[in-house]
Amino acid sequence: MPRPPMDIHVGDMVQMRKPHPCGGDTWRVVRIGAEIGIRCMTCERKVMLQRSDFERQVKRFIERAS
């Protein structure tokens, strides 16, 4: 039975399981859709991930957008 999609909003700050090559592991969500756009808070690099990959790799929410 498929899980319902994770409740994600633009502006959420998340910690990912694997660190970025720059060393940062905190990211801000900048785009929502079939792909999730996230921006590294250390080096400002933007990455697009499939929603399923994003949901699997999120460790925790640091800050929720209002």
PDB file of N, CA and C in Angstrom:
ATOM      1  N   MET A   1       0.850  -1.182   0.000  1.00  0.00           N
ATOM      2  CA  MET A   1       0.000   0.000   0.000  1.00  0.00           C
ATOM      3  C   MET A   1       0.892   1.241   0.000  1.00  0.00           C
ATOM      4  N   PRO A   2       0.734   2.133  -0.983  1.00  0.00           N
ATOM      5  CA  PRO A   2       1.599   3.315  -1.063  1.00  0.00           C
ATOM      6  C   PRO A   2       1.331   4.293   0.081  1.00  0.00           C
ATOM      7  N   ARG A   3       2.417   4.932   0.531  1.00  0.00           N
ATOM      8  CA  ARG A   3       2.283   5.946   1.579  1.00  0.00           C
ATOM      9  C   ARG A   3       1.783   7.248   0.974  1.00  0.00           C
ATOM     10  N   PRO A   4       1.055   8.053   1.747  1.00  0.00           N
ATOM     11  CA  PRO A   4       0.653   9.376   1.233  1.00  0.00           C
ATOM     12  C   PRO A   4       1.896  10.252   1.091  1.00  0.00           C
ATOM     13  N   PRO A   5       1.879  11.213   0.169  1.00  0.00           N
ATOM     14  CA  PRO A   5       3.054  12.059  -0.009  1.00  0.00           C
ATOM     15  C   PRO A   5       3.365  12.880   1.246  1.00  0.00           C
ATOM     16  N   MET A   6       4.646  13.132   1.460  1.00  0.00           N
ATOM     17  CA  MET A   6       5.105  13.920   2.603  1.00  0.00           C
ATOM     18  C   MET A   6       4.605  15.359   2.448  1.00  0.00           C
ATOM     19  N   ASP A   7       4.260  15.998   3.551  1.00  0.00           N
ATOM     20  CA  ASP A   7       3.785  17.383   3.547  1.00  0.00           C
ATOM     21  C   ASP A   7       4.998  18.309   3.471  1.00  0.00           C
ATOM     22  N   ILE A   8       5.272  18.816   2.275  1.00  0.00           N
ATOM     23  CA  ILE A   8       6.450  19.651   2.019  1.00  0.00           C
ATOM     24  C   ILE A   8       5.973  21.004   1.519  1.00  0.00           C
ATOM     25  N   HIS A   9       6.613  22.075   1.985  1.00  0.00           N
ATOM     26  CA  HIS A   9       6.273  23.431   1.551  1.00  0.00           C
ATOM     27  C   HIS A   9       7.537  24.173   1.149  1.00  0.00           C
ATOM     28  N   VAL A  10       7.392  25.104   0.206  1.00  0.00           N
ATOM     29  CA  VAL A  10       8.520  25.957  -0.169  1.00  0.00           C
ATOM     30  C   VAL A  10       8.934  26.751   1.061  1.00  0.00           C
ATOM     31  N   GLY A  11      10.223  26.751   1.358  1.00  0.00           N
ATOM     32  CA  GLY A  11      10.738  27.454   2.530  1.00  0.00           C
ATOM     33  C   GLY A  11      11.098  26.534   3.679  1.00  0.00           C
ATOM     34  N   ASP A  12      10.667  25.270   3.630  1.00  0.00           N
ATOM     35  CA  ASP A  12      11.047  24.310   4.674  1.00  0.00           C
ATOM     36  C   ASP A  12      12.561  24.106   4.652  1.00  0.00           C
ATOM     37  N   MET A  13      13.167  23.963   5.820  1.00  0.00           N
ATOM     38  CA  MET A  13      14.586  23.649   5.917  1.00  0.00           C
ATOM     39  C   MET A  13      14.699  22.211   6.417  1.00  0.00           C
ATOM     40  N   VAL A  14      15.470  21.394   5.693  1.00  0.00           N
ATOM     41  CA  VAL A  14      15.597  19.978   6.028  1.00  0.00           C
ATOM     42  C   VAL A  14      17.060  19.584   6.193  1.00  0.00           C
ATOM     43  N   GLN A  15      17.272  18.511   6.945  1.00  0.00           N
ATOM     44  CA  GLN A  15      18.590  17.904   7.054  1.00  0.00           C
ATOM     45  C   GLN A  15      18.517  16.606   6.265  1.00  0.00           C
ATOM     46  N   MET A  16      19.474  16.403   5.355  1.00  0.00           N
ATOM     47  CA  MET A  16      19.496  15.204   4.526  1.00  0.00           C
ATOM     48  C   MET A  16      20.426  14.164   5.149  1.00  0.00           C
ATOM     49  N   ARG A  17      20.215  12.895   4.773  1.00  0.00           N
ATOM     50  CA  ARG A  17      21.020  11.805   5.329  1.00  0.00           C
ATOM     51  C   ARG A  17      22.489  11.892   4.908  1.00  0.00           C
ATOM     52  N   LYS A  18      22.746  12.233   3.649  1.00  0.00           N
ATOM     53  CA  LYS A  18      24.123  12.331   3.156  1.00  0.00           C
ATOM     54  C   LYS A  18      24.505  13.800   3.031  1.00  0.00           C
ATOM     55  N   PRO A  19      25.728  14.162   3.434  1.00  0.00           N
ATOM     56  CA  PRO A  19      26.155  15.555   3.261  1.00  0.00           C
ATOM     57  C   PRO A  19      26.478  15.862   1.800  1.00  0.00           C
ATOM     58  N   HIS A  20      26.352  17.119   1.430  1.00  0.00           N
ATOM     59  CA  HIS A  20      26.730  17.609   0.115  1.00  0.00           C
ATOM     60  C   HIS A  20      28.258  17.591   0.041  1.00  0.00           C
ATOM     61  N   PRO A  21      28.865  17.503  -1.139  1.00  0.00           N
ATOM     62  CA  PRO A  21      30.332  17.525  -1.237  1.00  0.00           C
ATOM     63  C   PRO A  21      30.991  18.742  -0.571  1.00  0.00           C
ATOM     64  N   CYS A  22      30.258  19.846  -0.428  1.00  0.00           N
ATOM     65  CA  CYS A  22      30.816  21.023   0.241  1.00  0.00           C
ATOM     66  C   CYS A  22      30.878  20.828   1.753  1.00  0.00           C
ATOM     67  N   GLY A  23      30.206  19.793   2.259  1.00  0.00           N
ATOM     68  CA  GLY A  23      30.205  19.519   3.692  1.00  0.00           C
ATOM     69  C   GLY A  23      28.896  19.855   4.382  1.00  0.00           C
ATOM     70  N   GLY A  24      28.016  20.598   3.710  1.00  0.00           N
ATOM     71  CA  GLY A  24      26.743  20.987   4.318  1.00  0.00           C
ATOM     72  C   GLY A  24      25.704  19.879   4.227  1.00  0.00           C
ATOM     73  N   ASP A  25      24.852  19.787   5.238  1.00  0.00           N
ATOM     74  CA  ASP A  25      23.773  18.793   5.192  1.00  0.00           C
ATOM     75  C   ASP A  25      22.407  19.424   5.405  1.00  0.00           C
ATOM     76  N   THR A  26      22.346  20.766   5.449  1.00  0.00           N
ATOM     77  CA  THR A  26      21.064  21.450   5.597  1.00  0.00           C
ATOM     78  C   THR A  26      20.681  22.098   4.269  1.00  0.00           C
ATOM     79  N   TRP A  27      19.410  21.964   3.911  1.00  0.00           N
ATOM     80  CA  TRP A  27      18.908  22.419   2.621  1.00  0.00           C
ATOM     81  C   TRP A  27      17.581  23.146   2.805  1.00  0.00           C
ATOM     82  N   ARG A  28      17.298  24.114   1.923  1.00  0.00           N
ATOM     83  CA  ARG A  28      16.008  24.817   1.924  1.00  0.00           C
ATOM     84  C   ARG A  28      15.247  24.408   0.667  1.00  0.00           C
ATOM     85  N   VAL A  29      13.965  24.073   0.824  1.00  0.00           N
ATOM     86  CA  VAL A  29      13.114  23.690  -0.304  1.00  0.00           C
ATOM     87  C   VAL A  29      12.763  24.959  -1.076  1.00  0.00           C
ATOM     88  N   VAL A  30      13.050  24.959  -2.397  1.00  0.00           N
ATOM     89  CA  VAL A  30      12.780  26.135  -3.226  1.00  0.00           C
ATOM     90  C   VAL A  30      11.765  25.857  -4.329  1.00  0.00           C
ATOM     91  N   ARG A  31      11.415  24.580  -4.561  1.00  0.00           N
ATOM     92  CA  ARG A  31      10.445  24.247  -5.607  1.00  0.00           C
ATOM     93  C   ARG A  31       9.752  22.939  -5.247  1.00  0.00           C
ATOM     94  N   ILE A  32       8.455  22.885  -5.529  1.00  0.00           N
ATOM     95  CA  ILE A  32       7.641  21.697  -5.250  1.00  0.00           C
ATOM     96  C   ILE A  32       6.999  21.237  -6.557  1.00  0.00           C
ATOM     97  N   GLY A  33       6.888  19.952  -6.737  1.00  0.00           N
ATOM     98  CA  GLY A  33       6.248  19.371  -7.913  1.00  0.00           C
ATOM     99  C   GLY A  33       6.590  17.902  -7.982  1.00  0.00           C
ATOM    100  N   ALA A  34       6.648  17.350  -9.196  1.00  0.00           N
ATOM    101  CA  ALA A  34       7.083  15.965  -9.353  1.00  0.00           C
ATOM    102  C   ALA A  34       8.538  15.848  -8.905  1.00  0.00           C
ATOM    103  N   GLU A  35       9.298  16.923  -9.111  1.00  0.00           N
ATOM    104  CA  GLU A  35      10.662  17.022  -8.600  1.00  0.00           C
ATOM    105  C   GLU A  35      10.700  18.100  -7.533  1.00  0.00           C
ATOM    106  N   ILE A  36      11.528  17.888  -6.525  1.00  0.00           N
ATOM    107  CA  ILE A  36      11.681  18.856  -5.441  1.00  0.00           C
ATOM    108  C   ILE A  36      13.006  19.590  -5.646  1.00  0.00           C
ATOM    109  N   GLY A  37      12.954  20.907  -5.661  1.00  0.00           N
ATOM    110  CA  GLY A  37      14.167  21.717  -5.770  1.00  0.00           C
ATOM    111  C   GLY A  37      14.629  22.107  -4.379  1.00  0.00           C
ATOM    112  N   ILE A  38      15.913  21.836  -4.083  1.00  0.00           N
ATOM    113  CA  ILE A  38      16.475  22.206  -2.786  1.00  0.00           C
ATOM    114  C   ILE A  38      17.772  22.974  -2.997  1.00  0.00           C
ATOM    115  N   ARG A  39      18.062  23.907  -2.079  1.00  0.00           N
ATOM    116  CA  ARG A  39      19.272  24.721  -2.166  1.00  0.00           C
ATOM    117  C   ARG A  39      20.113  24.493  -0.914  1.00  0.00           C
ATOM    118  N   CYS A  40      21.398  24.179  -1.115  1.00  0.00           N
ATOM    119  CA  CYS A  40      22.323  23.943  -0.007  1.00  0.00           C
ATOM    120  C   CYS A  40      22.511  25.247   0.774  1.00  0.00           C
ATOM    121  N   MET A  41      22.409  25.176   2.091  1.00  0.00           N
ATOM    122  CA  MET A  41      22.547  26.378   2.920  1.00  0.00           C
ATOM    123  C   MET A  41      24.017  26.754   3.127  1.00  0.00           C
ATOM    124  N   THR A  42      24.952  25.872   2.755  1.00  0.00           N
ATOM    125  CA  THR A  42      26.381  26.165   2.913  1.00  0.00           C
ATOM    126  C   THR A  42      26.954  26.839   1.670  1.00  0.00           C
ATOM    127  N   CYS A  43      26.706  26.237   0.483  1.00  0.00           N
ATOM    128  CA  CYS A  43      27.331  26.756  -0.740  1.00  0.00           C
ATOM    129  C   CYS A  43      26.329  27.355  -1.742  1.00  0.00           C
ATOM    130  N   GLU A  44      25.019  27.309  -1.419  1.00  0.00           N
ATOM    131  CA  GLU A  44      23.954  27.887  -2.254  1.00  0.00           C
ATOM    132  C   GLU A  44      23.731  27.141  -3.578  1.00  0.00           C
ATOM    133  N   ARG A  45      24.283  25.932  -3.736  1.00  0.00           N
ATOM    134  CA  ARG A  45      24.064  25.135  -4.947  1.00  0.00           C
ATOM    135  C   ARG A  45      22.634  24.616  -4.951  1.00  0.00           C
ATOM    136  N   LYS A  46      21.988  24.609  -6.130  1.00  0.00           N
ATOM    137  CA  LYS A  46      20.613  24.123  -6.248  1.00  0.00           C
ATOM    138  C   LYS A  46      20.623  22.735  -6.871  1.00  0.00           C
ATOM    139  N   VAL A  47      19.816  21.833  -6.328  1.00  0.00           N
ATOM    140  CA  VAL A  47      19.715  20.454  -6.800  1.00  0.00           C
ATOM    141  C   VAL A  47      18.244  20.099  -6.962  1.00  0.00           C
ATOM    142  N   MET A  48      17.926  19.320  -8.001  1.00  0.00           N
ATOM    143  CA  MET A  48      16.574  18.823  -8.213  1.00  0.00           C
ATOM    144  C   MET A  48      16.567  17.321  -7.923  1.00  0.00           C
ATOM    145  N   LEU A  49      15.616  16.863  -7.119  1.00  0.00           N
ATOM    146  CA  LEU A  49      15.484  15.446  -6.791  1.00  0.00           C
ATOM    147  C   LEU A  49      14.064  14.979  -7.100  1.00  0.00           C
ATOM    148  N   GLN A  50      13.934  13.744  -7.533  1.00  0.00           N
ATOM    149  CA  GLN A  50      12.609  13.155  -7.666  1.00  0.00           C
ATOM    150  C   GLN A  50      11.967  13.162  -6.285  1.00  0.00           C
ATOM    151  N   ARG A  51      10.651  13.356  -6.221  1.00  0.00           N
ATOM    152  CA  ARG A  51       9.952  13.415  -4.935  1.00  0.00           C
ATOM    153  C   ARG A  51      10.216  12.159  -4.098  1.00  0.00           C
ATOM    154  N   SER A  52      10.196  10.987  -4.730  1.00  0.00           N
ATOM    155  CA  SER A  52      10.410   9.734  -3.990  1.00  0.00           C
ATOM    156  C   SER A  52      11.820   9.681  -3.402  1.00  0.00           C
ATOM    157  N   ASP A  53      12.835  10.146  -4.164  1.00  0.00           N
ATOM    158  CA  ASP A  53      14.214  10.177  -3.654  1.00  0.00           C
ATOM    159  C   ASP A  53      14.342  11.165  -2.501  1.00  0.00           C
ATOM    160  N   PHE A  54      13.708  12.337  -2.655  1.00  0.00           N
ATOM    161  CA  PHE A  54      13.751  13.357  -1.606  1.00  0.00           C
ATOM    162  C   PHE A  54      13.163  12.815  -0.309  1.00  0.00           C
ATOM    163  N   GLU A  55      11.981  12.205  -0.403  1.00  0.00           N
ATOM    164  CA  GLU A  55      11.305  11.701   0.799  1.00  0.00           C
ATOM    165  C   GLU A  55      12.128  10.614   1.484  1.00  0.00           C
ATOM    166  N   ARG A  56      12.842   9.825   0.715  1.00  0.00           N
ATOM    167  CA  ARG A  56      13.668   8.754   1.275  1.00  0.00           C
ATOM    168  C   ARG A  56      14.935   9.314   1.947  1.00  0.00           C
ATOM    169  N   GLN A  57      15.470  10.426   1.418  1.00  0.00           N
ATOM    170  CA  GLN A  57      16.741  10.948   1.901  1.00  0.00           C
ATOM    171  C   GLN A  57      16.625  11.977   3.021  1.00  0.00           C
ATOM    172  N   VAL A  58      15.416  12.485   3.285  1.00  0.00           N
ATOM    173  CA  VAL A  58      15.252  13.466   4.366  1.00  0.00           C
ATOM    174  C   VAL A  58      15.448  12.784   5.713  1.00  0.00           C
ATOM    175  N   LYS A  59      16.294  13.382   6.534  1.00  0.00           N
ATOM    176  CA  LYS A  59      16.527  12.854   7.885  1.00  0.00           C
ATOM    177  C   LYS A  59      15.540  13.494   8.857  1.00  0.00           C
ATOM    178  N   ARG A  60      15.434  14.835   8.793  1.00  0.00           N
ATOM    179  CA  ARG A  60      14.495  15.535   9.675  1.00  0.00           C
ATOM    180  C   ARG A  60      14.237  16.940   9.145  1.00  0.00           C
ATOM    181  N   PHE A  61      13.134  17.513   9.601  1.00  0.00           N
ATOM    182  CA  PHE A  61      12.811  18.912   9.295  1.00  0.00           C
ATOM    183  C   PHE A  61      13.414  19.783  10.390  1.00  0.00           C
ATOM    184  N   ILE A  62      14.224  20.762  10.008  1.00  0.00           N
ATOM    185  CA  ILE A  62      14.850  21.689  10.948  1.00  0.00           C
ATOM    186  C   ILE A  62      13.908  22.845  11.221  1.00  0.00           C
ATOM    187  N   GLU A  63      13.268  23.331  10.141  1.00  0.00           N
ATOM    188  CA  GLU A  63      12.381  24.479  10.263  1.00  0.00           C
ATOM    189  C   GLU A  63      11.261  24.320   9.246  1.00  0.00           C
ATOM    190  N   ARG A  64      10.041  24.586   9.663  1.00  0.00           N
ATOM    191  CA  ARG A  64       8.892  24.495   8.764  1.00  0.00           C
ATOM    192  C   ARG A  64       8.512  25.896   8.297  1.00  0.00           C
ATOM    193  N   ALA A  65       8.154  26.020   7.020  1.00  0.00           N
ATOM    194  CA  ALA A  65       7.702  27.314   6.488  1.00  0.00           C
ATOM    195  C   ALA A  65       6.321  27.623   7.070  1.00  0.00           C
ATOM    196  N   SER A  66       6.059  28.878   7.279  1.00  0.00           N
ATOM    197  CA  SER A  66       4.758  29.255   7.852  1.00  0.00           C
ATOM    198  C   SER A  66       3.700  29.334   6.774  1.00  0.00           C
TER     199      SER A  66
END
